[in-house]
Amino acid sequence: MIATTNYTAQRPEELSFSRNDKIKILKRESHLLWYAEHVQTGTRGYVSPTRVHINAKETYPQVHKSAMSSTDAHSISDIPRLDNSSRRSA
């Protein structure tokens, strides 16, 4: 996860972080409170899920078209068709 805001802990059990810091969620205590680890510092504490978001670029890396060869490209016609001849008719 990536921090969306700066946050200074108000209690010892909370985690302080800055915007764009990487935060690893360790346990989702509830929909309002998650236990997490600050990736860069290793400190742990509670964070509000409204202050972090999933980093889609790391979770789902994109493949650039220039990196794909012509053999990597597929079309719908490459998908094998199912043989429906054995299907029972109602």
PDB file of N, CA and C in Angstrom:
ATOM      1  N   MET A   1       0.847  -1.164   0.000  1.00  0.00           N
ATOM      2  CA  MET A   1       0.000   0.000   0.000  1.00  0.00           C
ATOM      3  C   MET A   1       0.899   1.236   0.000  1.00  0.00           C
ATOM      4  N   ILE A   2       0.330   2.318  -0.455  1.00  0.00           N
ATOM      5  CA  ILE A   2       1.030   3.598  -0.481  1.00  0.00           C
ATOM      6  C   ILE A   2       0.238   4.595   0.360  1.00  0.00           C
ATOM      7  N   ALA A   3       0.933   5.348   1.217  1.00  0.00           N
ATOM      8  CA  ALA A   3       0.275   6.371   2.034  1.00  0.00           C
ATOM      9  C   ALA A   3      -0.212   7.510   1.143  1.00  0.00           C
ATOM     10  N   THR A   4      -1.461   7.903   1.347  1.00  0.00           N
ATOM     11  CA  THR A   4      -2.027   8.985   0.532  1.00  0.00           C
ATOM     12  C   THR A   4      -1.891  10.347   1.197  1.00  0.00           C
ATOM     13  N   THR A   5      -1.556  10.357   2.493  1.00  0.00           N
ATOM     14  CA  THR A   5      -1.405  11.615   3.237  1.00  0.00           C
ATOM     15  C   THR A   5      -0.238  11.497   4.211  1.00  0.00           C
ATOM     16  N   ASN A   6       0.167  12.614   4.768  1.00  0.00           N
ATOM     17  CA  ASN A   6       1.103  12.610   5.892  1.00  0.00           C
ATOM     18  C   ASN A   6       0.285  12.351   7.143  1.00  0.00           C
ATOM     19  N   TYR A   7       0.847  11.567   8.070  1.00  0.00           N
ATOM     20  CA  TYR A   7       0.137  11.323   9.322  1.00  0.00           C
ATOM     21  C   TYR A   7       1.144  11.176  10.459  1.00  0.00           C
ATOM     22  N   THR A   8       0.935  11.942  11.519  1.00  0.00           N
ATOM     23  CA  THR A   8       1.735  11.836  12.728  1.00  0.00           C
ATOM     24  C   THR A   8       0.896  11.132  13.777  1.00  0.00           C
ATOM     25  N   ALA A   9       1.441  10.038  14.319  1.00  0.00           N
ATOM     26  CA  ALA A   9       0.708   9.234  15.295  1.00  0.00           C
ATOM     27  C   ALA A   9       0.271  10.086  16.479  1.00  0.00           C
ATOM     28  N   GLN A  10      -0.979   9.911  16.903  1.00  0.00           N
ATOM     29  CA  GLN A  10      -1.527  10.619  18.045  1.00  0.00           C
ATOM     30  C   GLN A  10      -1.403   9.785  19.315  1.00  0.00           C
ATOM     31  N   ARG A  11      -1.146   8.478  19.152  1.00  0.00           N
ATOM     32  CA  ARG A  11      -1.006   7.539  20.269  1.00  0.00           C
ATOM     33  C   ARG A  11       0.185   6.631  19.979  1.00  0.00           C
ATOM     34  N   PRO A  12       0.775   6.027  21.006  1.00  0.00           N
ATOM     35  CA  PRO A  12       1.947   5.163  20.790  1.00  0.00           C
ATOM     36  C   PRO A  12       1.674   3.959  19.886  1.00  0.00           C
ATOM     37  N   GLU A  13       0.443   3.468  19.853  1.00  0.00           N
ATOM     38  CA  GLU A  13       0.131   2.288  19.038  1.00  0.00           C
ATOM     39  C   GLU A  13      -0.154   2.614  17.571  1.00  0.00           C
ATOM     40  N   GLU A  14      -0.175   3.892  17.212  1.00  0.00           N
ATOM     41  CA  GLU A  14      -0.415   4.298  15.826  1.00  0.00           C
ATOM     42  C   GLU A  14       0.902   4.404  15.065  1.00  0.00           C
ATOM     43  N   LEU A  15       0.810   4.328  13.734  1.00  0.00           N
ATOM     44  CA  LEU A  15       1.971   4.404  12.860  1.00  0.00           C
ATOM     45  C   LEU A  15       2.049   5.778  12.207  1.00  0.00           C
ATOM     46  N   SER A  16       3.204   6.417  12.307  1.00  0.00           N
ATOM     47  CA  SER A  16       3.438   7.696  11.611  1.00  0.00           C
ATOM     48  C   SER A  16       4.009   7.403  10.230  1.00  0.00           C
ATOM     49  N   PHE A  17       3.627   8.222   9.250  1.00  0.00           N
ATOM     50  CA  PHE A  17       4.149   8.052   7.893  1.00  0.00           C
ATOM     51  C   PHE A  17       3.963   9.333   7.103  1.00  0.00           C
ATOM     52  N   SER A  18       4.648   9.390   5.972  1.00  0.00           N
ATOM     53  CA  SER A  18       4.541  10.524   5.057  1.00  0.00           C
ATOM     54  C   SER A  18       3.877  10.069   3.774  1.00  0.00           C
ATOM     55  N   ARG A  19       3.336  11.029   3.054  1.00  0.00           N
ATOM     56  CA  ARG A  19       2.684  10.731   1.776  1.00  0.00           C
ATOM     57  C   ARG A  19       3.667   9.991   0.870  1.00  0.00           C
ATOM     58  N   ASN A  20       3.181   8.960   0.181  1.00  0.00           N
ATOM     59  CA  ASN A  20       3.918   8.109  -0.751  1.00  0.00           C
ATOM     60  C   ASN A  20       4.830   7.083  -0.082  1.00  0.00           C
ATOM     61  N   ASP A  21       4.830   6.997   1.259  1.00  0.00           N
ATOM     62  CA  ASP A  21       5.574   5.935   1.941  1.00  0.00           C
ATOM     63  C   ASP A  21       4.899   4.601   1.664  1.00  0.00           C
ATOM     64  N   LYS A  22       5.696   3.538   1.640  1.00  0.00           N
ATOM     65  CA  LYS A  22       5.149   2.192   1.442  1.00  0.00           C
ATOM     66  C   LYS A  22       4.763   1.619   2.805  1.00  0.00           C
ATOM     67  N   ILE A  23       3.543   1.110   2.867  1.00  0.00           N
ATOM     68  CA  ILE A  23       2.984   0.554   4.090  1.00  0.00           C
ATOM     69  C   ILE A  23       2.529  -0.878   3.796  1.00  0.00           C
ATOM     70  N   LYS A  24       2.994  -1.829   4.606  1.00  0.00           N
ATOM     71  CA  LYS A  24       2.590  -3.231   4.445  1.00  0.00           C
ATOM     72  C   LYS A  24       1.509  -3.544   5.481  1.00  0.00           C
ATOM     73  N   ILE A  25       0.350  -3.954   5.011  1.00  0.00           N
ATOM     74  CA  ILE A  25      -0.751  -4.287   5.912  1.00  0.00           C
ATOM     75  C   ILE A  25      -0.512  -5.700   6.460  1.00  0.00           C
ATOM     76  N   LEU A  26      -0.460  -5.818   7.785  1.00  0.00           N
ATOM     77  CA  LEU A  26      -0.217  -7.102   8.431  1.00  0.00           C
ATOM     78  C   LEU A  26      -1.513  -7.772   8.871  1.00  0.00           C
ATOM     79  N   LYS A  27      -2.472  -6.957   9.316  1.00  0.00           N
ATOM     80  CA  LYS A  27      -3.750  -7.519   9.766  1.00  0.00           C
ATOM     81  C   LYS A  27      -4.836  -6.454   9.653  1.00  0.00           C
ATOM     82  N   ARG A  28      -5.955  -6.856   9.098  1.00  0.00           N
ATOM     83  CA  ARG A  28      -7.108  -5.952   9.001  1.00  0.00           C
ATOM     84  C   ARG A  28      -7.991  -6.192  10.216  1.00  0.00           C
ATOM     85  N   GLU A  29      -7.790  -5.378  11.233  1.00  0.00           N
ATOM     86  CA  GLU A  29      -8.523  -5.528  12.493  1.00  0.00           C
ATOM     87  C   GLU A  29     -10.024  -5.308  12.291  1.00  0.00           C
ATOM     88  N   SER A  30     -10.354  -4.306  11.500  1.00  0.00           N
ATOM     89  CA  SER A  30     -11.747  -3.987  11.183  1.00  0.00           C
ATOM     90  C   SER A  30     -11.735  -3.141   9.919  1.00  0.00           C
ATOM     91  N   HIS A  31     -12.911  -2.703   9.486  1.00  0.00           N
ATOM     92  CA  HIS A  31     -12.952  -1.832   8.306  1.00  0.00           C
ATOM     93  C   HIS A  31     -12.450  -0.424   8.635  1.00  0.00           C
ATOM     94  N   LEU A  32     -12.220  -0.134   9.921  1.00  0.00           N
ATOM     95  CA  LEU A  32     -11.756   1.187  10.343  1.00  0.00           C
ATOM     96  C   LEU A  32     -10.308   1.223  10.811  1.00  0.00           C
ATOM     97  N   LEU A  33      -9.702   0.053  11.020  1.00  0.00           N
ATOM     98  CA  LEU A  33      -8.379   0.019  11.620  1.00  0.00           C
ATOM     99  C   LEU A  33      -7.575  -1.178  11.121  1.00  0.00           C
ATOM    100  N   TRP A  34      -6.362  -0.888  10.612  1.00  0.00           N
ATOM    101  CA  TRP A  34      -5.474  -1.942  10.140  1.00  0.00           C
ATOM    102  C   TRP A  34      -4.152  -1.868  10.889  1.00  0.00           C
ATOM    103  N   TYR A  35      -3.559  -3.037  11.183  1.00  0.00           N
ATOM    104  CA  TYR A  35      -2.239  -3.091  11.785  1.00  0.00           C
ATOM    105  C   TYR A  35      -1.240  -3.207  10.641  1.00  0.00           C
ATOM    106  N   ALA A  36      -0.227  -2.351  10.636  1.00  0.00           N
ATOM    107  CA  ALA A  36       0.646  -2.263   9.473  1.00  0.00           C
ATOM    108  C   ALA A  36       2.099  -2.060   9.869  1.00  0.00           C
ATOM    109  N   GLU A  37       2.968  -2.232   8.873  1.00  0.00           N
ATOM    110  CA  GLU A  37       4.402  -2.003   9.043  1.00  0.00           C
ATOM    111  C   GLU A  37       4.870  -1.000   8.004  1.00  0.00           C
ATOM    112  N   HIS A  38       5.644  -0.024   8.449  1.00  0.00           N
ATOM    113  CA  HIS A  38       6.251   0.953   7.547  1.00  0.00           C
ATOM    114  C   HIS A  38       7.421   0.250   6.868  1.00  0.00           C
ATOM    115  N   VAL A  39       7.377   0.079   5.561  1.00  0.00           N
ATOM    116  CA  VAL A  39       8.354  -0.731   4.839  1.00  0.00           C
ATOM    117  C   VAL A  39       9.771  -0.182   5.001  1.00  0.00           C
ATOM    118  N   GLN A  40       9.953   1.132   4.909  1.00  0.00           N
ATOM    119  CA  GLN A  40      11.291   1.714   4.957  1.00  0.00           C
ATOM    120  C   GLN A  40      11.909   1.669   6.358  1.00  0.00           C
ATOM    121  N   THR A  41      11.107   1.862   7.413  1.00  0.00           N
ATOM    122  CA  THR A  41      11.653   1.953   8.770  1.00  0.00           C
ATOM    123  C   THR A  41      11.454   0.684   9.591  1.00  0.00           C
ATOM    124  N   GLY A  42      10.497  -0.155   9.210  1.00  0.00           N
ATOM    125  CA  GLY A  42      10.218  -1.370   9.960  1.00  0.00           C
ATOM    126  C   GLY A  42       9.339  -1.157  11.185  1.00  0.00           C
ATOM    127  N   THR A  43       8.949   0.096  11.454  1.00  0.00           N
ATOM    128  CA  THR A  43       8.086   0.347  12.610  1.00  0.00           C
ATOM    129  C   THR A  43       6.675  -0.154  12.315  1.00  0.00           C
ATOM    130  N   ARG A  44       5.975  -0.535  13.377  1.00  0.00           N
ATOM    131  CA  ARG A  44       4.626  -1.080  13.235  1.00  0.00           C
ATOM    132  C   ARG A  44       3.637  -0.281  14.069  1.00  0.00           C
ATOM    133  N   GLY A  45       2.404  -0.285  13.619  1.00  0.00           N
ATOM    134  CA  GLY A  45       1.341   0.388  14.347  1.00  0.00           C
ATOM    135  C   GLY A  45       0.053   0.360  13.559  1.00  0.00           C
ATOM    136  N   TYR A  46      -0.957   0.999  14.105  1.00  0.00           N
ATOM    137  CA  TYR A  46      -2.272   1.017  13.480  1.00  0.00           C
ATOM    138  C   TYR A  46      -2.414   2.187  12.517  1.00  0.00           C
ATOM    139  N   VAL A  47      -3.099   1.922  11.401  1.00  0.00           N
ATOM    140  CA  VAL A  47      -3.391   2.964  10.405  1.00  0.00           C
ATOM    141  C   VAL A  47      -4.860   2.893  10.032  1.00  0.00           C
ATOM    142  N   SER A  48      -5.370   4.011   9.575  1.00  0.00           N
ATOM    143  CA  SER A  48      -6.728   4.060   9.048  1.00  0.00           C
ATOM    144  C   SER A  48      -6.672   3.697   7.567  1.00  0.00           C
ATOM    145  N   PRO A  49      -7.527   2.801   7.096  1.00  0.00           N
ATOM    146  CA  PRO A  49      -7.515   2.432   5.674  1.00  0.00           C
ATOM    147  C   PRO A  49      -7.801   3.608   4.741  1.00  0.00           C
ATOM    148  N   THR A  50      -8.354   4.691   5.258  1.00  0.00           N
ATOM    149  CA  THR A  50      -8.622   5.852   4.415  1.00  0.00           C
ATOM    150  C   THR A  50      -7.349   6.636   4.106  1.00  0.00           C
ATOM    151  N   ARG A  51      -6.255   6.294   4.763  1.00  0.00           N
ATOM    152  CA  ARG A  51      -4.994   7.018   4.571  1.00  0.00           C
ATOM    153  C   ARG A  51      -3.996   6.284   3.674  1.00  0.00           C
ATOM    154  N   VAL A  52      -4.375   5.106   3.179  1.00  0.00           N
ATOM    155  CA  VAL A  52      -3.496   4.331   2.299  1.00  0.00           C
ATOM    156  C   VAL A  52      -4.300   3.779   1.124  1.00  0.00           C
ATOM    157  N   HIS A  53      -3.604   3.448   0.044  1.00  0.00           N
ATOM    158  CA  HIS A  53      -4.280   2.820  -1.097  1.00  0.00           C
ATOM    159  C   HIS A  53      -3.352   1.805  -1.752  1.00  0.00           C
ATOM    160  N   ILE A  54      -3.913   0.893  -2.518  1.00  0.00           N
ATOM    161  CA  ILE A  54      -3.136  -0.125  -3.214  1.00  0.00           C
ATOM    162  C   ILE A  54      -2.342   0.529  -4.327  1.00  0.00           C
ATOM    163  N   ASN A  55      -1.082   0.153  -4.423  1.00  0.00           N
ATOM    164  CA  ASN A  55      -0.235   0.631  -5.506  1.00  0.00           C
ATOM    165  C   ASN A  55      -0.398  -0.320  -6.684  1.00  0.00           C
ATOM    166  N   ALA A  56      -1.277   0.020  -7.592  1.00  0.00           N
ATOM    167  CA  ALA A  56      -1.612  -0.866  -8.712  1.00  0.00           C
ATOM    168  C   ALA A  56      -0.424  -1.130  -9.622  1.00  0.00           C
ATOM    169  N   LYS A  57       0.511  -0.203  -9.743  1.00  0.00           N
ATOM    170  CA  LYS A  57       1.660  -0.417 -10.623  1.00  0.00           C
ATOM    171  C   LYS A  57       2.541  -1.544 -10.123  1.00  0.00           C
ATOM    172  N   GLU A  58       2.661  -1.702  -8.792  1.00  0.00           N
ATOM    173  CA  GLU A  58       3.452  -2.804  -8.259  1.00  0.00           C
ATOM    174  C   GLU A  58       2.635  -4.086  -8.180  1.00  0.00           C
ATOM    175  N   THR A  59       1.354  -3.970  -7.903  1.00  0.00           N
ATOM    176  CA  THR A  59       0.507  -5.145  -7.778  1.00  0.00           C
ATOM    177  C   THR A  59       0.230  -5.777  -9.136  1.00  0.00           C
ATOM    178  N   TYR A  60      -0.033  -4.950 -10.143  1.00  0.00           N
ATOM    179  CA  TYR A  60      -0.348  -5.424 -11.483  1.00  0.00           C
ATOM    180  C   TYR A  60       0.576  -4.740 -12.487  1.00  0.00           C
ATOM    181  N   PRO A  61       1.823  -5.190 -12.594  1.00  0.00           N
ATOM    182  CA  PRO A  61       2.738  -4.535 -13.530  1.00  0.00           C
ATOM    183  C   PRO A  61       2.231  -4.665 -14.963  1.00  0.00           C
ATOM    184  N   GLN A  62       2.391  -3.594 -15.709  1.00  0.00           N
ATOM    185  CA  GLN A  62       1.919  -3.586 -17.089  1.00  0.00           C
ATOM    186  C   GLN A  62       3.012  -4.085 -18.017  1.00  0.00           C
ATOM    187  N   VAL A  63       2.612  -4.804 -19.050  1.00  0.00           N
ATOM    188  CA  VAL A  63       3.536  -5.235 -20.079  1.00  0.00           C
ATOM    189  C   VAL A  63       3.415  -4.240 -21.215  1.00  0.00           C
ATOM    190  N   HIS A  64       4.545  -3.665 -21.589  1.00  0.00           N
ATOM    191  CA  HIS A  64       4.521  -2.693 -22.678  1.00  0.00           C
ATOM    192  C   HIS A  64       4.421  -3.423 -24.012  1.00  0.00           C
ATOM    193  N   LYS A  65       3.707  -2.848 -24.956  1.00  0.00           N
ATOM    194  CA  LYS A  65       3.518  -3.473 -26.254  1.00  0.00           C
ATOM    195  C   LYS A  65       4.852  -3.723 -26.943  1.00  0.00           C
ATOM    196  N   SER A  66       5.819  -2.821 -26.739  1.00  0.00           N
ATOM    197  CA  SER A  66       7.121  -2.999 -27.387  1.00  0.00           C
ATOM    198  C   SER A  66       7.851  -4.228 -26.861  1.00  0.00           C
ATOM    199  N   ALA A  67       7.510  -4.680 -25.649  1.00  0.00           N
ATOM    200  CA  ALA A  67       8.155  -5.852 -25.058  1.00  0.00           C
ATOM    201  C   ALA A  67       7.528  -7.148 -25.553  1.00  0.00           C
ATOM    202  N   MET A  68       6.370  -7.076 -26.186  1.00  0.00           N
ATOM    203  CA  MET A  68       5.683  -8.269 -26.670  1.00  0.00           C
ATOM    204  C   MET A  68       6.157  -8.608 -28.075  1.00  0.00           C
ATOM    205  N   SER A  69       6.427  -9.875 -28.309  1.00  0.00           N
ATOM    206  CA  SER A  69       6.770 -10.296 -29.662  1.00  0.00           C
ATOM    207  C   SER A  69       5.483 -10.643 -30.400  1.00  0.00           C
ATOM    208  N   SER A  70       5.586 -10.848 -31.674  1.00  0.00           N
ATOM    209  CA  SER A  70       4.390 -11.171 -32.448  1.00  0.00           C
ATOM    210  C   SER A  70       3.827 -12.527 -32.045  1.00  0.00           C
ATOM    211  N   THR A  71       4.662 -13.414 -31.471  1.00  0.00           N
ATOM    212  CA  THR A  71       4.159 -14.714 -31.035  1.00  0.00           C
ATOM    213  C   THR A  71       3.404 -14.612 -29.721  1.00  0.00           C
ATOM    214  N   ASP A  72       3.583 -13.508 -28.982  1.00  0.00           N
ATOM    215  CA  ASP A  72       2.870 -13.306 -27.729  1.00  0.00           C
ATOM    216  C   ASP A  72       1.443 -12.821 -27.952  1.00  0.00           C
ATOM    217  N   ALA A  73       1.193 -12.239 -29.102  1.00  0.00           N
ATOM    218  CA  ALA A  73      -0.118 -11.660 -29.367  1.00  0.00           C
ATOM    219  C   ALA A  73      -1.115 -12.771 -29.676  1.00  0.00           C
ATOM    220  N   HIS A  74      -2.273 -12.694 -29.061  1.00  0.00           N
ATOM    221  CA  HIS A  74      -3.327 -13.679 -29.278  1.00  0.00           C
ATOM    222  C   HIS A  74      -4.615 -12.962 -29.635  1.00  0.00           C
ATOM    223  N   SER A  75      -5.468 -13.684 -30.327  1.00  0.00           N
ATOM    224  CA  SER A  75      -6.772 -13.131 -30.644  1.00  0.00           C
ATOM    225  C   SER A  75      -7.834 -14.123 -30.201  1.00  0.00           C
ATOM    226  N   ILE A  76      -9.071 -13.719 -30.274  1.00  0.00           N
ATOM    227  CA  ILE A  76     -10.191 -14.570 -29.869  1.00  0.00           C
ATOM    228  C   ILE A  76     -10.244 -15.847 -30.704  1.00  0.00           C
ATOM    229  N   SER A  77      -9.778 -15.786 -31.927  1.00  0.00           N
ATOM    230  CA  SER A  77      -9.817 -16.973 -32.793  1.00  0.00           C
ATOM    231  C   SER A  77      -8.813 -18.035 -32.342  1.00  0.00           C
ATOM    232  N   ASP A  78      -7.841 -17.669 -31.481  1.00  0.00           N
ATOM    233  CA  ASP A  78      -6.863 -18.630 -30.975  1.00  0.00           C
ATOM    234  C   ASP A  78      -7.423 -19.498 -29.844  1.00  0.00           C
ATOM    235  N   ILE A  79      -8.568 -19.124 -29.296  1.00  0.00           N
ATOM    236  CA  ILE A  79      -9.151 -19.859 -28.175  1.00  0.00           C
ATOM    237  C   ILE A  79      -9.867 -21.088 -28.714  1.00  0.00           C
ATOM    238  N   PRO A  80      -9.546 -22.277 -28.174  1.00  0.00           N
ATOM    239  CA  PRO A  80     -10.210 -23.483 -28.678  1.00  0.00           C
ATOM    240  C   PRO A  80     -11.707 -23.446 -28.412  1.00  0.00           C
ATOM    241  N   ARG A  81     -12.465 -23.959 -29.344  1.00  0.00           N
ATOM    242  CA  ARG A  81     -13.916 -24.003 -29.196  1.00  0.00           C
ATOM    243  C   ARG A  81     -14.325 -25.267 -28.471  1.00  0.00           C
ATOM    244  N   LEU A  82     -15.387 -25.173 -27.685  1.00  0.00           N
ATOM    245  CA  LEU A  82     -15.921 -26.329 -26.982  1.00  0.00           C
ATOM    246  C   LEU A  82     -16.792 -27.145 -27.925  1.00  0.00           C
ATOM    247  N   ASP A  83     -16.709 -28.435 -27.773  1.00  0.00           N
ATOM    248  CA  ASP A  83     -17.547 -29.321 -28.564  1.00  0.00           C
ATOM    249  C   ASP A  83     -18.859 -29.497 -27.810  1.00  0.00           C
ATOM    250  N   ASN A  84     -19.928 -28.920 -28.297  1.00  0.00           N
ATOM    251  CA  ASN A  84     -21.230 -28.980 -27.639  1.00  0.00           C
ATOM    252  C   ASN A  84     -22.076 -30.160 -28.097  1.00  0.00           C
ATOM    253  N   SER A  85     -21.510 -31.037 -28.908  1.00  0.00           N
ATOM    254  CA  SER A  85     -22.300 -32.141 -29.456  1.00  0.00           C
ATOM    255  C   SER A  85     -22.753 -33.127 -28.367  1.00  0.00           C
ATOM    256  N   SER A  86     -22.037 -33.175 -27.253  1.00  0.00           N
ATOM    257  CA  SER A  86     -22.399 -34.117 -26.195  1.00  0.00           C
ATOM    258  C   SER A  86     -23.392 -33.513 -25.207  1.00  0.00           C
ATOM    259  N   ARG A  87     -23.769 -32.267 -25.389  1.00  0.00           N
ATOM    260  CA  ARG A  87     -24.730 -31.612 -24.495  1.00  0.00           C
ATOM    261  C   ARG A  87     -26.114 -32.224 -24.656  1.00  0.00           C
ATOM    262  N   ARG A  88     -26.753 -32.425 -23.524  1.00  0.00           N
ATOM    263  CA  ARG A  88     -28.135 -32.934 -23.566  1.00  0.00           C
ATOM    264  C   ARG A  88     -29.069 -31.793 -23.926  1.00  0.00           C
ATOM    265  N   SER A  89     -30.023 -32.075 -24.758  1.00  0.00           N
ATOM    266  CA  SER A  89     -31.020 -31.048 -25.066  1.00  0.00           C
ATOM    267  C   SER A  89     -32.191 -31.201 -24.119  1.00  0.00           C
ATOM    268  N   ALA A  90     -32.767 -30.090 -23.737  1.00  0.00           N
ATOM    269  CA  ALA A  90     -33.868 -30.106 -22.753  1.00  0.00           C
ATOM    270  C   ALA A  90     -35.202 -30.253 -23.400  1.00  0.00           C
TER     271      ALA A  90
END
